[in-house]
Protein backbone atom coordinates (compact mmCIF):
# COMPACT_ATOMS: atom_id res chain seq x y z
CA MET A 1 -8.09 33.06 -8.23
CA GLY A 2 -4.61 32.03 -9.14
CA ARG A 3 -3.05 29.58 -11.53
CA TYR A 4 -2.57 25.90 -10.93
CA TYR A 5 0.27 23.57 -11.80
CA GLU A 6 0.56 19.82 -12.16
CA THR A 7 3.51 17.50 -12.67
CA ASN A 8 3.83 14.36 -14.74
CA ASN A 9 3.69 12.34 -11.51
CA GLY A 10 0.29 13.70 -10.46
CA ARG A 11 1.47 16.23 -7.87
CA SER A 12 -0.35 19.52 -8.14
CA GLY A 13 -0.56 22.88 -6.47
CA LYS A 14 -1.48 26.49 -6.89
CA PHE A 15 0.86 29.39 -7.46
CA GLY A 16 0.65 31.93 -4.62
CA PHE A 17 -2.02 34.43 -5.65
CA ALA A 18 -0.66 37.97 -6.02
CA LYS A 19 2.73 36.71 -4.79
CA GLN A 20 4.10 34.16 -7.24
CA SER A 21 4.29 34.17 -11.02
CA SER A 22 3.48 31.05 -13.03
CA THR A 23 6.90 31.52 -14.62
CA ASP A 24 8.59 30.76 -11.26
CA PRO A 25 9.56 27.18 -12.26
CA GLY A 26 11.74 28.62 -15.03
CA ASP A 27 12.69 32.03 -13.67
CA PHE A 28 13.57 30.92 -10.12
CA PHE A 29 14.29 27.17 -10.28
CA GLY A 30 15.85 27.14 -13.76
CA MET A 31 13.51 24.58 -15.33
CA LYS A 32 13.32 24.78 -19.12
CA GLU A 33 10.12 25.67 -21.04
CA GLN A 34 9.03 23.07 -23.57
CA GLU A 35 5.84 24.19 -25.36
CA PRO A 36 5.14 27.82 -26.31
CA ASN A 37 1.30 27.49 -26.23
CA GLN A 38 1.38 26.13 -22.69
CA ILE A 39 3.96 26.79 -20.01
CA THR A 40 5.61 23.41 -19.63
CA TYR A 41 8.80 23.09 -17.62
CA TYR A 42 11.28 20.24 -17.35
CA ALA A 43 14.05 19.31 -14.92
CA ASP A 44 15.96 16.09 -14.40
CA LYS A 45 18.39 14.62 -11.88
CA ASP A 46 21.16 16.90 -13.19
CA ASP A 47 19.15 19.89 -11.90
CA GLU A 48 18.34 18.42 -8.48
CA GLU A 49 21.31 19.84 -6.58
CA ASP A 50 20.66 23.39 -7.84
CA ILE A 51 16.94 23.18 -7.05
CA LYS A 52 17.63 21.84 -3.54
CA ALA A 53 20.09 24.71 -2.98
CA LYS A 54 17.37 27.21 -3.99
CA VAL A 55 14.92 25.56 -1.56
CA ASP A 56 17.56 25.70 1.19
CA SER A 57 18.13 29.42 0.52
CA LEU A 58 14.38 29.96 0.96
CA TYR A 59 14.36 27.94 4.19
CA ASP A 60 17.32 30.09 5.33
CA GLU A 61 15.30 33.21 4.55
CA LEU A 62 12.52 31.95 6.85
CA GLU A 63 15.11 30.79 9.44
CA VAL A 64 13.86 27.19 9.40
CA PRO A 65 16.36 24.94 11.24
CA ALA A 66 18.02 22.32 9.03
CA GLU A 67 16.58 19.42 11.05
CA GLU A 68 12.99 20.62 10.43
CA ARG A 69 13.25 21.12 6.67
CA ILE A 70 11.08 19.01 4.37
CA TYR A 71 12.19 18.12 0.83
CA TYR A 72 9.75 15.39 -0.12
CA LYS A 73 6.02 14.81 -0.18
CA GLU A 74 4.28 11.68 -1.43
CA ALA A 75 2.17 11.99 -4.56
CA GLY A 76 -1.45 12.60 -3.63
CA SER A 77 -0.65 13.65 -0.05
CA SER A 78 -2.33 16.69 1.46
CA ASN A 79 1.03 18.26 2.35
CA ASP A 80 -0.23 19.28 5.83
CA GLU A 81 3.18 18.72 7.45
CA LEU A 82 4.85 21.16 5.04
CA ALA A 83 1.99 23.67 5.40
CA ASP A 84 2.31 23.55 9.20
CA LEU A 85 6.08 24.05 8.99
CA LEU A 86 5.77 27.04 6.66
CA GLU A 87 3.04 28.61 8.75
CA LYS A 88 5.20 28.22 11.86
CA TYR A 89 8.09 30.14 10.28
CA GLY A 90 6.35 32.44 7.80
CA TYR A 91 3.21 33.77 9.44
CA ARG A 92 1.80 34.73 12.81
CA LYS A 93 -1.82 33.91 13.56
CA VAL A 94 -3.45 36.98 15.10
CA HIS A 95 -7.04 37.47 16.18
CA ARG A 96 -8.70 39.95 13.84
CA ASN A 97 -9.44 42.41 16.65
CA GLU A 98 -5.72 42.60 17.53
CA VAL A 99 -4.44 43.50 14.05
CA LYS A 100 -4.28 47.24 14.75
CA ARG A 101 -1.95 46.53 17.67
CA PHE A 102 0.36 44.59 15.35
CA ASP A 103 0.40 47.46 12.83
CA LYS A 104 2.42 49.43 15.34
CA ILE A 105 5.05 46.77 16.00
CA GLU A 106 8.17 47.54 14.01
CA GLY A 107 9.39 44.72 11.80
CA TYR A 108 5.95 43.44 10.80
CA LYS A 109 4.92 43.92 7.21
CA HIS A 110 1.18 44.40 7.23
CA ASP A 111 0.30 41.71 4.68
CA PRO A 112 -2.75 40.06 6.23
CA TYR A 113 -4.65 37.00 5.09
CA TYR A 114 -8.03 36.75 6.75
CA CYS A 115 -9.39 33.35 7.74
CA PRO A 116 -13.13 34.09 8.08
CA GLU A 117 -14.18 30.82 9.68
CA GLU A 118 -11.77 31.38 12.56
CA HIS A 119 -11.77 35.22 12.66
CA TYR A 120 -8.00 35.23 12.44
CA VAL A 121 -5.59 37.11 10.25
CA PHE A 122 -2.25 35.69 9.18
CA ILE A 123 0.49 38.32 9.07
CA GLU A 124 3.90 37.80 7.45
CA THR A 125 6.65 37.60 10.04
CA LYS A 126 8.92 39.52 7.66
CA GLN A 127 8.71 40.95 4.18
CA GLY A 128 8.93 38.29 1.50
CA ALA A 129 7.86 35.40 3.74
CA GLY A 130 4.75 34.74 1.66
CA LEU A 131 6.65 34.37 -1.62
CA ALA A 132 9.34 32.25 0.06
CA MET A 133 6.63 29.90 1.37
CA CYS A 134 5.03 29.60 -2.09
CA ARG A 135 8.41 28.86 -3.65
CA ILE A 136 9.26 26.23 -1.04
CA ARG A 137 5.97 24.42 -1.79
CA LEU A 138 6.78 24.47 -5.50
CA GLY A 139 10.40 23.43 -4.93
CA VAL A 140 9.38 20.48 -2.73
CA THR A 141 6.95 19.39 -5.46
CA ILE A 142 9.74 19.49 -8.06
CA LEU A 143 12.22 17.68 -5.77
CA SER A 144 9.62 15.01 -4.97
CA ASP A 145 9.07 14.23 -8.65
CA LEU A 146 12.83 14.14 -9.23
CA LYS A 147 13.18 11.61 -6.41
CA ASP A 148 10.30 9.42 -7.60
CA GLU A 149 10.73 9.62 -11.39
CA GLY A 150 14.21 11.00 -12.04
CA PHE A 151 12.66 13.97 -13.84
CA CYS A 152 9.91 16.54 -13.37
CA GLU A 153 7.67 17.85 -16.08
CA LEU A 154 5.51 20.67 -14.77
CA TYR A 155 2.51 22.10 -16.62
CA ALA A 156 1.43 25.59 -15.61
CA GLU A 157 -1.82 27.25 -16.66
CA LEU A 158 -1.39 30.23 -18.93
């Protein structure tokens, strides 16, 4: 489940299921809607500084050091480097049998994502980490189009 997005430059992704609204490009990053029958957002180079500042505030929230932050991904890339970075700072990988132990540790929000093929659960390191990670992925997609094309047009499923 979840809604997908795609940019004019061919980058695509999926909004974080049960975490992130498909209106995030406009509500959070300040992109402008263009077509009422489809959620279409637009940003250009004039918006780049504000969008990068939003991404930095999200990285700050996850306590990602400045030297490890990623702001660009090539069109068509799998984005594994960004996924690894976000997992490192946003989630802890815990064996499914150990989850009850982690329930008792103060500071953990019990928001598990089960990975059945590995019998692991991913638990947020702090409340809001999941949404911050989703927004960073979206922000990096927007910034990458701005770098490559000078603008970003993003089409979100209704």
